[in-house]
Each structure stands twice: as C-alpha cells, then as structure tokens.
N, C-alpha and C. Protein backbone atom coordinates (compact mmCIF):
# COMPACT_ATOMS: atom_id res chain seq x y z
N UNK A 1 0.72 -1.47 -0.06
CA UNK A 1 0.20 -0.45 0.07
C UNK A 1 0.89 0.64 -0.07
N UNK A 2 1.89 0.37 0.22
CA UNK A 2 2.74 1.88 0.80
C UNK A 2 4.00 2.22 -0.54
N UNK A 3 3.81 0.87 -0.88
CA UNK A 3 4.89 1.22 -2.40
C UNK A 3 3.26 2.70 -3.57
N UNK A 4 2.63 1.36 -3.16
CA UNK A 4 0.70 2.59 -4.62
C UNK A 4 1.18 4.06 -4.10
N UNK A 5 1.12 4.20 -2.55
CA UNK A 5 0.98 5.23 -1.91
C UNK A 5 1.67 5.94 -2.61
N UNK A 6 3.17 6.65 -2.35
CA UNK A 6 4.53 6.96 -3.08
C UNK A 6 4.62 7.25 -4.66
N UNK A 7 3.84 5.46 -5.37
CA UNK A 7 4.14 5.86 -6.94
C UNK A 7 2.56 7.27 -6.96
N UNK A 8 1.58 6.71 -6.29
CA UNK A 8 0.60 7.68 -7.36
C UNK A 8 1.34 8.80 -7.39
N UNK A 9 1.94 9.60 -5.91
CA UNK A 9 3.07 10.98 -5.45
C UNK A 9 3.58 11.46 -6.43
N UNK A 10 4.76 10.01 -6.95
CA UNK A 10 5.38 10.43 -7.36
C UNK A 10 4.35 11.08 -9.37
N UNK A 11 4.28 10.83 -9.47
CA UNK A 11 3.81 10.24 -10.85
C UNK A 11 3.63 12.05 -11.66
N UNK A 12 2.59 12.17 -10.50
CA UNK A 12 2.32 14.12 -10.17
C UNK A 12 3.51 15.00 -10.92
N UNK A 13 4.17 14.55 -10.23
CA UNK A 13 5.58 15.45 -9.81
C UNK A 13 6.16 15.96 -11.54
N UNK A 14 6.05 14.03 -11.89
CA UNK A 14 7.48 13.68 -12.69
C UNK A 14 6.74 14.96 -13.98
N UNK A 15 5.48 14.44 -14.28
CA UNK A 15 4.81 15.45 -14.75
C UNK A 15 5.03 17.50 -15.04
N UNK A 16 4.24 17.28 -13.36
CA UNK A 16 4.59 19.01 -13.61
C UNK A 16 5.85 19.72 -14.40
N UNK A 17 6.99 18.49 -13.81
CA UNK A 17 8.05 19.08 -14.20
C UNK A 17 8.24 19.46 -16.16
N UNK A 18 7.94 18.17 -16.45
CA UNK A 18 7.54 18.43 -18.09
C UNK A 18 7.19 19.66 -18.12
N UNK A 19 5.78 19.59 -17.32
CA UNK A 19 5.11 21.36 -18.56
C UNK A 19 5.81 22.66 -17.88
N UNK A 20 6.80 21.99 -16.91
CA UNK A 20 7.66 23.55 -16.30
C UNK A 20 8.25 23.66 -17.65
N UNK A 21 9.56 23.09 -17.91
CA UNK A 21 10.51 22.64 -18.89
C UNK A 21 9.56 22.48 -20.81
N UNK A 22 8.68 22.22 -20.33
CA UNK A 22 7.52 22.94 -21.40
C UNK A 22 7.93 24.88 -21.52
N UNK A 23 7.19 24.73 -21.15
CA UNK A 23 6.86 26.31 -20.95
C UNK A 23 8.21 26.94 -21.16
N UNK A 24 8.88 26.00 -20.59
CA UNK A 24 10.46 27.06 -20.52
C UNK A 24 11.18 27.40 -21.82
N UNK A 25 11.02 26.34 -21.98
CA UNK A 25 11.27 25.52 -23.60
C UNK A 25 10.77 27.49 -24.15
N UNK A 26 9.11 27.19 -24.24
CA UNK A 26 8.53 28.23 -24.56
C UNK A 26 8.48 29.43 -25.07
N UNK A 27 9.18 29.81 -23.30
CA UNK A 27 8.91 31.25 -23.67
C UNK A 27 11.50 31.87 -23.43
N UNK A 28 11.53 31.15 -24.42
CA UNK A 28 13.03 30.78 -24.82
C UNK A 28 13.02 30.94 -26.64
N UNK A 29 12.46 29.98 -26.78
CA UNK A 29 11.73 29.87 -28.69
C UNK A 29 10.80 32.10 -28.28
N UNK A 30 10.35 32.47 -27.87
CA UNK A 30 10.04 33.86 -27.78
C UNK A 30 10.90 34.69 -28.19
N UNK A 31 11.94 34.47 -26.72
CA UNK A 31 12.67 35.16 -26.44
C UNK A 31 13.75 34.82 -27.14
N UNK A 32 13.88 34.50 -28.82
CA UNK A 32 15.07 34.99 -29.47
C UNK A 32 14.68 34.98 -30.95
N UNK A 33 13.06 35.29 -30.81
CA UNK A 33 11.78 35.94 -32.55
C UNK A 33 11.42 37.00 -31.42
N UNK A 34 11.30 38.21 -30.02
CA UNK A 34 12.12 38.81 -30.13
C UNK A 34 13.03 40.00 -30.89
N UNK A 35 14.27 38.99 -30.30
CA UNK A 35 15.27 39.33 -29.59
C UNK A 35 15.81 39.62 -31.39
N UNK A 36 15.20 38.80 -32.75
CA UNK A 36 15.33 38.51 -34.14
C UNK A 36 14.46 39.51 -35.28
N UNK A 37 13.73 40.45 -33.76
CA UNK A 37 12.89 41.77 -34.59
C UNK A 37 12.51 42.71 -35.65
N UNK A 38 12.27 43.46 -35.92
CA UNK A 38 12.95 44.41 -36.81
C UNK A 38 11.81 45.99 -36.10
N UNK A 39 11.51 46.35 -35.69
CA UNK A 39 10.64 47.82 -35.43
C UNK A 39 10.56 48.45 -36.57
N UNK A 40 9.41 48.21 -37.63
CA UNK A 40 10.19 49.13 -38.72
C UNK A 40 8.52 50.43 -39.43
N UNK A 41 8.75 52.01 -39.11
CA UNK A 41 8.03 52.85 -39.58
C UNK A 41 7.63 52.36 -39.69
N UNK A 42 5.81 52.10 -40.07
CA UNK A 42 5.01 52.80 -41.82
C UNK A 42 5.24 53.75 -42.04
N UNK A 43 5.82 53.68 -43.45
CA UNK A 43 5.88 54.89 -44.38
C UNK A 43 7.19 54.99 -44.57
N UNK A 44 8.58 54.49 -43.30
CA UNK A 44 9.56 54.79 -44.00
C UNK A 44 10.29 54.98 -44.52
N UNK A 45 11.20 54.10 -45.58
CA UNK A 45 12.04 53.82 -46.28
C UNK A 45 12.50 52.20 -45.81
N UNK A 46 12.83 52.10 -45.08
CA UNK A 46 13.24 50.74 -45.19
C UNK A 46 11.61 49.94 -45.22
N UNK A 47 10.68 50.86 -44.75
CA UNK A 47 8.90 50.17 -44.91
C UNK A 47 9.05 50.07 -46.46
N UNK A 48 9.35 50.34 -47.06
CA UNK A 48 8.62 50.71 -48.38
C UNK A 48 9.14 48.96 -49.20
N UNK A 49 10.77 48.91 -48.45
CA UNK A 49 11.86 48.12 -49.34
C UNK A 49 11.00 46.82 -48.10
N UNK A 50 11.14 47.05 -47.48
CA UNK A 50 10.48 45.06 -47.06
C UNK A 50 9.11 44.57 -47.62
N UNK A 51 8.21 45.88 -48.05
CA UNK A 51 6.78 45.35 -48.99
C UNK A 51 7.56 45.65 -50.40
N UNK A 52 8.50 45.43 -50.56
CA UNK A 52 8.88 45.31 -52.35
C UNK A 52 8.94 47.56 -52.92
N UNK A 53 9.12 47.63 -54.07
CA UNK A 53 8.91 49.26 -54.37
C UNK A 53 7.12 49.29 -54.38
N UNK A 54 7.00 50.61 -54.52
CA UNK A 54 5.71 50.67 -54.15
C UNK A 54 5.44 52.68 -55.48
N UNK A 55 6.09 52.72 -56.64
CA UNK A 55 5.65 53.40 -57.03
C UNK A 55 5.45 54.55 -56.41
N UNK A 56 4.32 54.68 -56.28
CA UNK A 56 3.16 55.87 -55.87
C UNK A 56 4.22 56.11 -53.77
N UNK A 57 4.48 55.38 -53.95
CA UNK A 57 4.91 56.24 -52.17
C UNK A 57 6.76 56.81 -52.49
N UNK A 58 6.82 55.90 -53.98
CA UNK A 58 8.82 56.03 -54.23
C UNK A 58 8.21 58.24 -54.68
N UNK A 59 7.15 57.98 -56.13
CA UNK A 59 7.14 59.57 -56.76
C UNK A 59 6.83 60.66 -56.35
N UNK A 60 5.82 60.58 -55.02
CA UNK A 60 5.50 61.13 -53.51
C UNK A 60 7.07 62.06 -52.80
N UNK A 61 7.50 60.53 -52.31
CA UNK A 61 8.81 60.80 -51.84
C UNK A 61 10.40 62.02 -52.57
N UNK A 62 10.63 61.37 -53.23
CA UNK A 62 11.80 62.25 -55.00
C UNK A 62 11.25 63.38 -55.25
N UNK A 63 10.35 63.49 -55.40
CA UNK A 63 9.79 64.50 -56.39
C UNK A 63 10.05 65.59 -55.77
N UNK A 64 9.83 65.77 -54.45
CA UNK A 64 10.43 67.17 -53.83
C UNK A 64 11.76 67.96 -54.07
N UNK A 65 12.79 67.06 -53.57
CA UNK A 65 14.12 66.50 -53.75
C UNK A 65 14.62 66.52 -54.98
N UNK A 66 13.63 66.79 -56.48
CA UNK A 66 14.30 67.28 -57.90
C UNK A 66 13.23 67.86 -58.42
N UNK A 67 12.30 68.76 -57.75
CA UNK A 67 11.87 70.46 -57.72
C UNK A 67 13.15 71.17 -57.38
N UNK A 68 13.91 70.01 -56.19
CA UNK A 68 14.17 71.13 -55.11
C UNK A 68 15.34 72.03 -55.96
N UNK A 69 16.15 70.12 -56.44
CA UNK A 69 18.03 70.04 -57.46
C UNK A 69 17.52 70.95 -58.14
N UNK A 70 16.09 71.21 -59.23
CA UNK A 70 16.14 70.93 -60.26
C UNK A 70 16.42 73.13 -60.20
N UNK A 71 14.95 73.70 -59.43
CA UNK A 71 15.19 75.18 -58.92
C UNK A 71 16.54 76.09 -58.93
N UNK A 72 17.01 74.77 -57.62
CA UNK A 72 18.36 76.24 -57.60
C UNK A 72 19.30 75.78 -58.38
N UNK A 73 19.62 75.04 -59.61
CA UNK A 73 20.56 74.54 -61.39
C UNK A 73 19.75 75.11 -61.99
N UNK A 74 17.96 75.84 -62.09
CA UNK A 74 18.35 76.32 -63.42
C UNK A 74 19.51 77.23 -63.74
N UNK A 75 19.33 77.45 -65.72
CA UNK A 75 19.86 77.89 -66.19
C UNK A 75 19.05 79.20 -66.49
N UNK A 76 18.63 80.33 -66.77
CA UNK A 76 18.61 81.63 -67.94
C UNK A 76 18.97 80.94 -69.62
N UNK A 77 16.62 80.29 -69.77
CA UNK A 77 17.18 80.15 -71.21
C UNK A 77 18.10 80.01 -72.78
N UNK A 78 17.75 81.24 -72.43
CA UNK A 78 18.67 82.81 -73.42
C UNK A 78 19.92 82.89 -73.17
N UNK A 79 20.86 82.29 -71.34
CA UNK A 79 21.91 81.83 -71.48
C UNK A 79 22.40 81.13 -71.49
N UNK A 80 21.40 80.12 -71.71
CA UNK A 80 22.08 78.51 -71.47
C UNK A 80 22.02 78.06 -73.82
N UNK A 81 20.74 79.16 -74.29
CA UNK A 81 20.76 78.94 -75.78
C UNK A 81 22.19 79.57 -76.49
N UNK A 82 21.64 80.26 -75.67
CA UNK A 82 23.88 81.03 -77.02
C UNK A 82 24.81 80.03 -76.09
N UNK A 83 25.39 78.93 -75.16
CA UNK A 83 26.31 78.72 -74.49
C UNK A 83 26.15 77.81 -75.39
N UNK A 84 24.41 76.69 -75.62
CA UNK A 84 25.16 75.08 -76.25
C UNK A 84 25.32 75.44 -77.76
N UNK A 85 24.76 76.54 -78.28
CA UNK A 85 25.07 76.64 -79.63
C UNK A 85 26.16 77.48 -79.66
N UNK A 86 27.16 77.77 -78.91
CA UNK A 86 28.27 78.47 -79.42
C UNK A 86 29.94 76.44 -78.78
N UNK A 87 28.86 75.91 -78.24
CA UNK A 87 29.98 74.47 -77.26
C UNK A 87 28.40 73.53 -77.47
N UNK A 88 28.19 72.76 -77.76
CA UNK A 88 27.07 71.58 -77.17
C UNK A 88 27.15 71.18 -76.55
N UNK A 89 28.92 70.51 -76.13
CA UNK A 89 29.40 69.52 -75.59
C UNK A 89 29.72 70.13 -73.98
N UNK A 90 30.23 70.85 -73.82
CA UNK A 90 31.11 71.89 -73.11
C UNK A 90 29.79 71.95 -71.96
N UNK A 91 28.77 72.79 -72.85
CA UNK A 91 27.11 73.36 -71.92
C UNK A 91 26.72 72.25 -71.40
N UNK A 92 27.15 70.79 -71.62
CA UNK A 92 26.80 70.23 -71.23
C UNK A 92 26.92 69.97 -70.29
N UNK A 93 28.55 69.94 -70.40
CA UNK A 93 28.85 69.07 -69.30
C UNK A 93 29.35 70.39 -68.08
N UNK A 94 29.36 71.53 -68.75
CA UNK A 94 29.01 72.91 -67.46
C UNK A 94 27.57 73.09 -66.62
N UNK A 95 26.65 72.84 -67.58
CA UNK A 95 25.36 72.95 -66.74
C UNK A 95 24.57 71.66 -66.41
N UNK A 96 24.49 70.18 -66.88
CA UNK A 96 24.03 69.32 -67.14
C UNK A 96 23.52 67.84 -65.74
N UNK A 97 23.15 66.69 -65.93
CA UNK A 97 23.62 65.74 -65.47
C UNK A 97 23.77 64.68 -66.63
N UNK A 98 24.88 63.57 -66.76
CA UNK A 98 24.98 62.61 -67.84
C UNK A 98 24.69 62.16 -68.11
N UNK A 99 24.16 60.74 -68.78
CA UNK A 99 23.23 60.08 -69.08
C UNK A 99 23.45 59.73 -70.26
N UNK A 100 23.64 58.28 -70.61
CA UNK A 100 23.70 57.86 -71.64
C UNK A 100 22.84 58.03 -73.15
N UNK A 101 22.39 59.12 -72.57
CA UNK A 101 21.91 59.08 -74.14
C UNK A 101 22.19 60.62 -74.37
N UNK A 102 22.97 61.11 -73.39
CA UNK A 102 23.13 62.99 -73.47
C UNK A 102 22.59 63.98 -72.50
N UNK A 103 23.85 64.56 -72.19
CA UNK A 103 23.25 65.63 -70.32
C UNK A 103 21.49 65.71 -70.59
N UNK A 104 21.51 65.70 -69.47
CA UNK A 104 19.60 66.46 -68.80
C UNK A 104 20.30 67.86 -68.19
N UNK A 105 19.40 68.99 -68.61
CA UNK A 105 20.31 70.30 -68.43
C UNK A 105 18.59 71.14 -67.97
N UNK A 106 18.72 71.81 -66.66
CA UNK A 106 17.79 72.21 -65.91
C UNK A 106 17.65 73.91 -66.23
N UNK A 107 16.38 74.45 -67.40
CA UNK A 107 16.11 75.62 -66.85
C UNK A 107 15.50 76.39 -67.15
N UNK A 108 15.81 77.99 -66.35
CA UNK A 108 14.73 78.43 -66.31
C UNK A 108 14.17 79.79 -66.97
N UNK A 109 12.47 78.94 -67.43
CA UNK A 109 12.04 80.35 -68.76
C UNK A 109 10.75 80.96 -68.53
N UNK A 110 10.21 82.53 -69.06
CA UNK A 110 9.87 83.22 -69.42
C UNK A 110 9.63 83.32 -70.68
N UNK A 111 7.97 83.43 -71.16
CA UNK A 111 7.23 83.32 -72.38
C UNK A 111 5.73 83.21 -71.56
N UNK A 112 5.29 82.86 -73.09
CA UNK A 112 4.49 82.58 -74.34
C UNK A 112 4.41 81.07 -74.88
N UNK A 113 2.61 80.79 -73.82
CA UNK A 113 2.78 79.27 -74.39
C UNK A 113 2.26 79.68 -75.68
N UNK A 114 2.73 79.51 -76.67
CA UNK A 114 2.56 79.24 -77.84
C UNK A 114 0.98 77.52 -78.16
N UNK A 115 1.29 77.03 -79.55
CA UNK A 115 -0.16 76.41 -79.98
C UNK A 115 0.37 74.93 -79.38
N UNK A 116 -0.95 74.47 -78.95
CA UNK A 116 -0.39 72.77 -77.89
C UNK A 116 -0.74 71.58 -79.67
N UNK A 117 -0.04 70.69 -79.62
CA UNK A 117 -0.44 68.95 -79.63
C UNK A 117 0.12 67.87 -79.49
N UNK A 118 -0.70 67.47 -79.51
CA UNK A 118 -0.89 66.39 -78.64
C UNK A 118 -0.86 67.23 -77.14
N UNK A 119 0.67 66.24 -76.38
CA UNK A 119 0.59 67.09 -74.74
C UNK A 119 1.92 67.28 -75.06
N UNK A 120 1.64 68.11 -75.54
CA UNK A 120 2.45 69.30 -75.73
C UNK A 120 2.39 70.63 -76.04
N UNK A 121 2.71 72.15 -75.78
CA UNK A 121 2.41 73.84 -76.72
C UNK A 121 4.22 74.34 -76.79
N UNK A 122 3.90 74.75 -77.94
CA UNK A 122 5.43 75.71 -78.11
C UNK A 122 5.35 76.90 -76.72
N UNK A 123 6.94 76.94 -76.44
CA UNK A 123 6.81 78.62 -75.64
C UNK A 123 7.99 79.04 -76.28
N UNK A 124 7.66 80.14 -76.57
CA UNK A 124 7.39 81.42 -77.63
C UNK A 124 8.95 82.19 -76.25
N UNK A 125 9.82 82.76 -76.36
CA UNK A 125 11.31 83.24 -75.37
C UNK A 125 11.65 84.02 -75.76
N UNK A 126 12.00 84.90 -75.46
CA UNK A 126 11.95 86.63 -75.77
C UNK A 126 13.35 86.43 -75.80
N UNK A 127 13.92 87.25 -76.68
CA UNK A 127 15.65 86.82 -76.65
C UNK A 127 16.54 85.43 -76.93
N UNK A 128 15.38 84.70 -76.96
CA UNK A 128 16.00 83.74 -77.67
C UNK A 128 16.81 83.70 -79.09
N UNK A 129 18.11 82.71 -79.62
CA UNK A 129 18.64 83.23 -80.79
C UNK A 129 18.01 82.33 -81.97
N UNK A 130 17.32 82.54 -83.26
CA UNK A 130 16.78 82.47 -83.91
C UNK A 130 17.15 80.76 -84.96
N UNK A 131 16.42 80.44 -85.31
CA UNK A 131 15.67 78.89 -85.27
C UNK A 131 15.87 77.62 -83.58
N UNK A 132 16.66 78.82 -82.72
CA UNK A 132 15.31 77.63 -81.32
C UNK A 132 14.41 76.95 -80.51
N UNK A 133 14.05 75.78 -81.04
CA UNK A 133 12.26 75.67 -81.25
C UNK A 133 11.62 74.75 -79.70
N UNK A 134 11.66 75.68 -78.07
CA UNK A 134 11.17 75.27 -77.51
C UNK A 134 9.82 74.45 -76.84
N UNK A 135 9.23 73.54 -77.05
CA UNK A 135 8.27 72.72 -76.23
C UNK A 135 8.37 72.27 -75.21
N UNK A 136 6.95 72.45 -74.65
CA UNK A 136 6.31 72.34 -73.28
C UNK A 136 5.30 70.62 -73.11
N UNK A 137 5.97 69.86 -72.30
CA UNK A 137 5.27 69.33 -71.80
C UNK A 137 4.20 69.56 -70.91
N UNK A 138 2.96 69.43 -71.23
CA UNK A 138 1.82 70.40 -70.64
C UNK A 138 0.51 68.31 -69.80
N UNK A 139 1.25 67.29 -70.29
CA UNK A 139 -0.31 66.25 -70.23
C UNK A 139 -1.17 67.14 -71.16
N UNK A 140 -2.12 65.83 -70.76
CA UNK A 140 -2.35 65.14 -69.38
C UNK A 140 -0.68 63.94 -69.60
N UNK A 141 0.01 62.89 -70.54
CA UNK A 141 0.13 62.42 -70.65
C UNK A 141 2.11 63.10 -70.52
N UNK A 142 2.99 62.36 -70.00
CA UNK A 142 4.39 62.87 -69.60
C UNK A 142 5.21 61.48 -69.48
N UNK A 143 5.88 61.82 -71.15
CA UNK A 143 7.05 61.23 -71.80
C UNK A 143 7.95 60.82 -70.85
N UNK A 144 8.91 59.99 -71.24
CA UNK A 144 10.82 60.47 -70.46
C UNK A 144 11.57 59.98 -68.71
N UNK A 145 12.20 60.32 -69.22
CA UNK A 145 12.83 59.92 -67.33
C UNK A 145 13.28 60.47 -67.49
N UNK A 146 13.41 61.96 -67.53
CA UNK A 146 14.45 62.94 -67.98
C UNK A 146 14.05 63.54 -66.60
N UNK A 147 13.35 64.12 -65.46
CA UNK A 147 12.78 64.27 -64.34
C UNK A 147 13.96 63.15 -62.82
N UNK A 148 13.83 61.60 -63.23
CA UNK A 148 14.72 60.94 -62.61
C UNK A 148 15.88 60.98 -62.76
N UNK A 149 16.23 61.53 -63.93
CA UNK A 149 17.90 61.86 -64.23
C UNK A 149 18.53 62.71 -64.64
N UNK A 150 17.44 63.75 -63.46
CA UNK A 150 17.79 65.71 -63.79
C UNK A 150 19.07 65.77 -62.36
N UNK A 151 18.50 64.54 -61.88
CA UNK A 151 20.02 65.77 -60.20
C UNK A 151 21.23 64.53 -60.27
N UNK A 152 21.25 62.75 -60.92
CA UNK A 152 22.02 62.24 -61.12
C UNK A 152 22.28 61.72 -59.85
N UNK A 153 20.86 61.64 -58.85
CA UNK A 153 21.09 60.83 -57.49
C UNK A 153 20.60 59.78 -57.42
N UNK A 154 19.88 59.24 -58.86
CA UNK A 154 18.86 58.59 -58.86
C UNK A 154 19.36 57.04 -59.62
N UNK A 155 19.87 56.05 -59.79
CA UNK A 155 20.38 55.49 -60.45
C UNK A 155 20.42 53.71 -60.69
N UNK A 156 20.41 53.08 -61.56
CA UNK A 156 20.03 51.71 -61.99
C UNK A 156 20.79 51.10 -60.90
N UNK A 157 21.66 51.03 -60.11
CA UNK A 157 22.25 50.13 -58.76
C UNK A 157 21.41 49.73 -57.54
N UNK A 158 20.27 50.86 -57.98
CA UNK A 158 18.79 51.02 -55.92
C UNK A 158 17.68 50.47 -56.19
N UNK A 159 17.88 49.46 -57.56
CA UNK A 159 17.14 49.60 -58.14
C UNK A 159 17.24 47.76 -58.07
N UNK A 160 15.89 46.75 -58.56
CA UNK A 160 15.69 45.50 -58.01
C UNK A 160 16.12 45.58 -59.15
N UNK A 161 14.75 45.89 -60.38
CA UNK A 161 15.64 45.59 -62.17
C UNK A 161 15.50 47.02 -62.40
N UNK A 162 15.14 46.88 -64.22
CA UNK A 162 14.81 47.10 -64.94
C UNK A 162 13.69 48.25 -65.01
N UNK A 163 12.57 46.40 -64.41
CA UNK A 163 11.39 47.65 -64.48
C UNK A 163 11.20 48.33 -63.91
N UNK A 164 11.62 47.71 -62.12
CA UNK A 164 11.86 49.23 -60.86
C UNK A 164 12.17 50.20 -61.19
N UNK A 165 12.88 50.74 -62.01
CA UNK A 165 13.79 51.59 -62.59
C UNK A 165 13.05 53.08 -63.86
N UNK A 166 12.29 52.24 -64.08
CA UNK A 166 12.00 52.39 -65.03
C UNK A 166 10.47 53.13 -64.19
N UNK A 167 9.76 51.72 -63.76
CA UNK A 167 8.31 52.78 -63.04
C UNK A 167 8.76 53.47 -61.97
N UNK A 168 10.23 54.04 -61.29
CA UNK A 168 10.71 55.25 -60.90
C UNK A 168 10.29 56.65 -61.51
N UNK A 169 10.59 55.83 -62.51
CA UNK A 169 10.89 57.22 -64.02
C UNK A 169 9.53 57.56 -64.03
N UNK A 170 7.96 56.45 -63.73
CA UNK A 170 6.90 57.34 -63.77
C UNK A 170 6.46 58.34 -62.77
N UNK A 171 7.15 57.00 -61.49
CA UNK A 171 6.42 57.35 -60.92
C UNK A 171 6.34 58.88 -60.75
N UNK A 172 7.86 59.57 -60.88
CA UNK A 172 8.16 60.86 -60.59
C UNK A 172 7.58 61.80 -61.23
N UNK A 173 7.19 61.36 -62.74
CA UNK A 173 6.12 61.98 -63.33
C UNK A 173 4.73 62.37 -63.25
N UNK A 174 4.28 61.59 -62.99
CA UNK A 174 3.22 61.25 -62.05
C UNK A 174 2.59 62.21 -60.38
N UNK A 175 3.79 62.36 -59.98
CA UNK A 175 3.58 62.93 -58.78
C UNK A 175 3.94 64.31 -59.30
N UNK A 176 5.06 64.69 -60.13
CA UNK A 176 5.22 66.51 -61.13
C UNK A 176 3.63 66.82 -61.55
N UNK A 177 3.37 65.79 -62.79
CA UNK A 177 1.70 65.84 -63.11
C UNK A 177 1.05 66.34 -61.67
N UNK A 178 0.57 65.60 -60.33
CA UNK A 178 0.09 65.89 -59.11
C UNK A 178 -0.17 67.26 -58.97
N UNK A 179 1.87 67.80 -58.38
CA UNK A 179 2.05 68.61 -58.42
C UNK A 179 2.07 69.53 -58.27
N UNK A 180 2.67 69.90 -59.75
CA UNK A 180 2.15 71.29 -60.62
C UNK A 180 1.59 71.01 -62.14
N UNK A 181 0.50 69.95 -62.79
CA UNK A 181 -0.21 70.60 -64.25
C UNK A 181 -1.45 70.37 -63.85
N UNK A 182 -2.18 70.12 -62.81
CA UNK A 182 -3.42 69.09 -61.78
C UNK A 182 -4.21 70.53 -62.23
N UNK A 183 -3.07 72.05 -61.58
CA UNK A 183 -4.23 72.35 -61.75
C UNK A 183 -4.68 73.57 -63.25
N UNK A 184 -3.83 72.99 -63.85
CA UNK A 184 -3.51 74.49 -64.78
C UNK A 184 -4.61 73.47 -66.44
N UNK A 185 -5.24 74.19 -66.75
CA UNK A 185 -5.93 73.70 -67.99
C UNK A 185 -5.36 73.67 -69.50
N UNK A 186 -4.52 73.21 -69.87
CA UNK A 186 -4.23 72.84 -70.79
C UNK A 186 -4.04 73.28 -72.15
N UNK A 187 -5.52 72.87 -72.46
CA UNK A 187 -6.69 74.06 -73.51
C UNK A 187 -6.82 75.26 -73.66
N UNK A 188 -5.76 75.66 -72.54
CA UNK A 188 -6.47 76.59 -72.07
C UNK A 188 -5.19 77.36 -72.24
N UNK A 189 -3.62 77.60 -72.77
CA UNK A 189 -2.46 77.54 -71.93
C UNK A 189 -2.27 78.55 -73.02
N UNK A 190 -2.95 78.72 -74.41
CA UNK A 190 -2.32 78.85 -75.72
C UNK A 190 -2.64 80.80 -75.47
N UNK A 191 -1.29 81.27 -75.47
CA UNK A 191 -1.43 82.68 -75.60
C UNK A 191 -1.24 83.27 -73.79
N UNK A 192 -0.96 82.56 -72.75
CA UNK A 192 -0.89 82.77 -72.33
C UNK A 192 0.30 83.06 -71.32
N UNK A 193 1.41 84.06 -70.55
CA UNK A 193 2.80 84.04 -69.96
C UNK A 193 3.09 83.62 -68.82
N UNK A 194 3.88 82.54 -68.86
CA UNK A 194 4.87 82.40 -68.15
C UNK A 194 6.18 82.48 -67.07
N UNK A 195 6.44 81.51 -66.45
CA UNK A 195 7.53 81.62 -66.60
C UNK A 195 7.91 79.95 -65.96
N UNK A 196 8.14 78.81 -66.54
CA UNK A 196 8.44 78.39 -66.86
C UNK A 196 9.40 77.10 -66.28
N UNK A 197 9.71 75.70 -65.23
CA UNK A 197 11.02 76.03 -64.66
C UNK A 197 11.07 73.88 -64.87
N UNK A 198 11.94 74.44 -65.85
CA UNK A 198 12.48 72.44 -66.35
C UNK A 198 13.20 72.25 -66.01
N UNK A 199 12.74 71.09 -67.50
CA UNK A 199 14.49 69.99 -67.64
C UNK A 199 14.74 69.69 -68.91
N UNK A 200 15.44 69.95 -69.99
CA UNK A 200 15.73 69.37 -71.01
C UNK A 200 16.60 68.32 -71.42
N UNK A 201 16.90 66.53 -72.38
CA UNK A 201 17.38 66.24 -72.48
C UNK A 201 18.59 66.79 -74.34
N UNK A 202 19.42 67.28 -73.27
CA UNK A 202 20.22 67.86 -75.06
C UNK A 202 21.17 67.67 -75.69
N UNK A 203 19.89 67.06 -76.36
CA UNK A 203 20.53 66.20 -77.89
C UNK A 203 19.84 66.98 -79.09
N UNK A 204 19.86 67.75 -79.21
CA UNK A 204 19.42 68.47 -80.50
C UNK A 204 19.89 69.85 -80.12
N UNK A 205 20.34 70.90 -79.85
CA UNK A 205 20.59 72.35 -79.80
C UNK A 205 19.88 73.40 -79.45
N UNK A 206 19.08 72.76 -80.95
CA UNK A 206 17.88 74.10 -81.57
C UNK A 206 16.75 73.35 -82.12
N UNK A 207 16.09 72.78 -79.86
CA UNK A 207 14.62 71.30 -80.58
C UNK A 207 14.79 70.79 -78.77
N UNK A 208 13.79 72.12 -78.28
CA UNK A 208 14.53 71.10 -76.61
C UNK A 208 12.69 70.60 -75.97
N UNK A 209 12.75 69.60 -75.77
CA UNK A 209 11.67 69.01 -75.62
C UNK A 209 11.67 69.63 -73.44
N UNK A 210 11.12 70.41 -73.05
CA UNK A 210 11.42 70.55 -71.54
C UNK A 210 10.33 70.17 -70.71
N UNK A 211 10.47 68.95 -69.55
CA UNK A 211 10.00 68.46 -68.96
C UNK A 211 9.34 69.51 -67.52
N UNK A 212 8.58 70.09 -67.13
CA UNK A 212 8.72 71.19 -66.33
C UNK A 212 8.39 70.27 -64.87
N UNK A 213 8.75 71.25 -63.86
CA UNK A 213 9.16 71.12 -62.25
C UNK A 213 8.53 71.39 -61.85
N UNK A 214 8.20 73.43 -62.44
CA UNK A 214 7.28 74.59 -62.53
C UNK A 214 7.03 75.24 -63.06
N UNK A 215 5.45 75.69 -62.55
CA UNK A 215 4.30 76.95 -64.21
C UNK A 215 4.26 77.22 -63.47
N UNK A 216 4.16 79.16 -63.67
CA UNK A 216 4.01 79.73 -63.03
C UNK A 216 3.32 80.99 -64.06
N UNK A 217 2.29 81.11 -63.87
CA UNK A 217 1.06 81.06 -64.96
C UNK A 217 0.86 82.93 -64.31
N UNK A 218 1.64 84.05 -65.01
CA UNK A 218 0.83 84.92 -64.81
C UNK A 218 -0.19 85.49 -64.89
C-alpha cells in the first residue's frame, strides 16, 4: 500500500516537471524571436523596401527633391541657348547631368505658351537665338525619364531590376503632374505668359523638349 501511494504521489511530480520544461522552452523561443525582430515604422524607407517597390510612395518622396535640385540649378534659357549653340559639349558638361543618351539640363524660361500639339505646347521666349524651338510637356501624358535623371542621384543600382527603374521615372512624372500640372488647363494655355522651370535632354541644340517641375502662369 505504501509503495503504491508513493508511486501515485511521484507521478504528478514528473508531469509538473515536463510542463515546466515545456513552458521554459516556449519562453526561450519567444525571446529568440523578439531578439530577431526589427521594428519598422510604417511609411519609412525600410518599410517601402520590406513591402517591395511602391511607385506612388516613391514618387511622392522623390519629386520634392527633384524640384528643389532643378530649381536651384536652373539656367536662364537665353544664356543656356547661347552657350549650347557655341559649344554643345562644354555647355552640357557645365550645366547638365550626364546620361547614356545625353546630358539632362535644368532651365528656367519666361515667355508665352504657343500652339498645343498632343501633350505639348510650343513656348516662345523673348531673346532666344533664331532657330531654337522650345516645347513644354503640359500633359495629360508626360513621357521620358528626364526628371528621374535630372539630379544624378537616382541610379539603376538602387533598384531590383530595369522594370523598377523605369517605374521610378514614371512615378516621379506622375507626382509632378499632381503637384505642378493638375491646376492647369492645358487646352487654355495658348497665349498665356508664364515662367517655367524644368529640364530637357540636350541632344539637338535647337530643339528643346522641356519637362517642367514648376509652372507659374501670369
């Protein structure tokens, strides 16, 4: 009887030990998970990377930087035109940011919007050398990657692949449209005076296609 009683008493003690060991193991696992867990603020740069590339978020973050950079470096259109016609290569190196297809140059233009064709408006600047044609992208479609390439600070190596790199350019264009072009009616710009700050790729010295970052209609 005594042996059976002792056995019956010992059995629950072993079960309690197993439970305690199990709880300790769980605590250790939870502690290890917590130690390896990184707190990421929603909307932060790391959060964007964790979620994968988010074009809309990227455009909203980067366009203000492009706007500030281009506005600071923008060259008067007449000064730039004379420099480009005198020595395209030297002007591109002095004022622009190099790309594989030609330098992207920041410019400020004050003049009058001319005829509209597709998503572009001619832009006439007083004092420009003869033969130089200026057109401004006024939407709704905005093409090219000139805004993405304008600062020289956005590079292919920052992205997973070519698709993301292209999407980055489109995202900045889209944010520019929201910020700069949304308040304009492109069909009613003809004949209006404005100051435009923007960029263009210097390929043909006499043919400028300007992508704006800022448009101030008088």
